[in-house]
Amino acid sequence: MLALAKDEVERAKELGYAGDDPEYAGLTKMIASLETQLQGRENTASVFASLRGKLSEFFQRQSQTKRG
């Protein structure tokens, strides 16, 4: 799931969906942090939920911006 999220964020950036949006860096950092936590076998349920919400909000906002 993380690999897919990372790919989707990178694809959106490459396609020009607000390529200068500082949120890209935050999302990428959050994914990397989650990967590290998974390697340490820490509880990641709340982090996954937070990342899912942020990704969803980000892509919805970008979708609406392109339509408008």
Protein backbone atom coordinates (compact mmCIF):
# COMPACT_ATOMS: atom_id res chain seq x y z
CA MET A 1 0.00 0.00 0.00
CA LEU A 2 2.82 2.38 0.79
CA ALA A 3 4.52 1.71 -2.53
CA LEU A 4 1.25 2.50 -4.29
CA ALA A 5 0.79 5.70 -2.28
CA LYS A 6 4.35 6.76 -3.06
CA ASP A 7 3.82 6.03 -6.77
CA GLU A 8 0.54 7.97 -6.85
CA VAL A 9 2.05 11.03 -5.17
CA GLU A 10 4.99 10.95 -7.59
CA ARG A 11 2.68 10.46 -10.59
CA ALA A 12 0.49 13.39 -9.58
CA LYS A 13 3.57 15.57 -9.22
CA GLU A 14 4.95 14.48 -12.61
CA LEU A 15 1.60 15.14 -14.28
CA GLY A 16 1.71 18.69 -12.98
CA TYR A 17 -1.04 18.56 -10.38
CA ALA A 18 0.18 21.53 -8.35
CA GLY A 19 3.80 20.48 -8.74
CA ASP A 20 4.96 23.32 -6.53
CA ASP A 21 2.53 22.46 -3.72
CA PRO A 22 4.54 22.08 -0.50
CA GLU A 23 2.20 19.30 0.56
CA TYR A 24 4.05 16.91 -1.77
CA ALA A 25 7.09 17.05 0.47
CA GLY A 26 4.96 16.48 3.56
CA LEU A 27 3.22 13.47 2.05
CA THR A 28 6.51 11.98 0.88
CA LYS A 29 8.01 12.50 4.33
CA MET A 30 4.98 10.92 5.99
CA ILE A 31 5.22 7.85 3.75
CA ALA A 32 8.94 7.49 4.51
CA SER A 33 8.27 7.79 8.23
CA LEU A 34 5.60 5.13 8.04
CA GLU A 35 7.97 2.81 6.18
CA THR A 36 10.51 3.25 8.98
CA GLN A 37 7.89 2.54 11.63
CA LEU A 38 6.82 -0.62 9.83
CA GLN A 39 10.40 -1.88 9.79
CA GLY A 40 10.54 -1.34 13.55
CA ARG A 41 7.24 -3.20 13.97
CA GLU A 42 5.64 -0.24 15.73
CA ASN A 43 1.87 0.23 15.89
CA THR A 44 1.04 2.11 12.71
CA ALA A 45 -2.76 2.02 12.57
CA SER A 46 -3.24 5.69 13.44
CA VAL A 47 -0.44 6.79 11.11
CA PHE A 48 -1.97 4.82 8.22
CA ALA A 49 -5.35 6.39 8.89
CA SER A 50 -3.83 9.86 8.97
CA LEU A 51 -1.89 9.29 5.75
CA ARG A 52 -4.97 7.90 4.01
CA GLY A 53 -6.96 10.96 5.00
CA LYS A 54 -4.27 13.40 3.90
CA LEU A 55 -3.82 11.66 0.55
CA SER A 56 -7.55 11.60 -0.06
CA GLU A 57 -7.94 15.28 0.79
CA PHE A 58 -4.95 16.24 -1.33
CA PHE A 59 -6.09 14.37 -4.43
CA GLN A 60 -9.68 15.61 -4.07
CA ARG A 61 -8.45 19.18 -3.77
CA GLN A 62 -6.20 18.76 -6.82
CA SER A 63 -9.04 17.18 -8.80
CA GLN A 64 -11.37 20.06 -7.97
CA THR A 65 -8.71 22.62 -8.86
CA LYS A 66 -8.20 21.09 -12.30
CA ARG A 67 -11.95 21.02 -12.98
CA GLY A 68 -12.54 24.58 -11.82
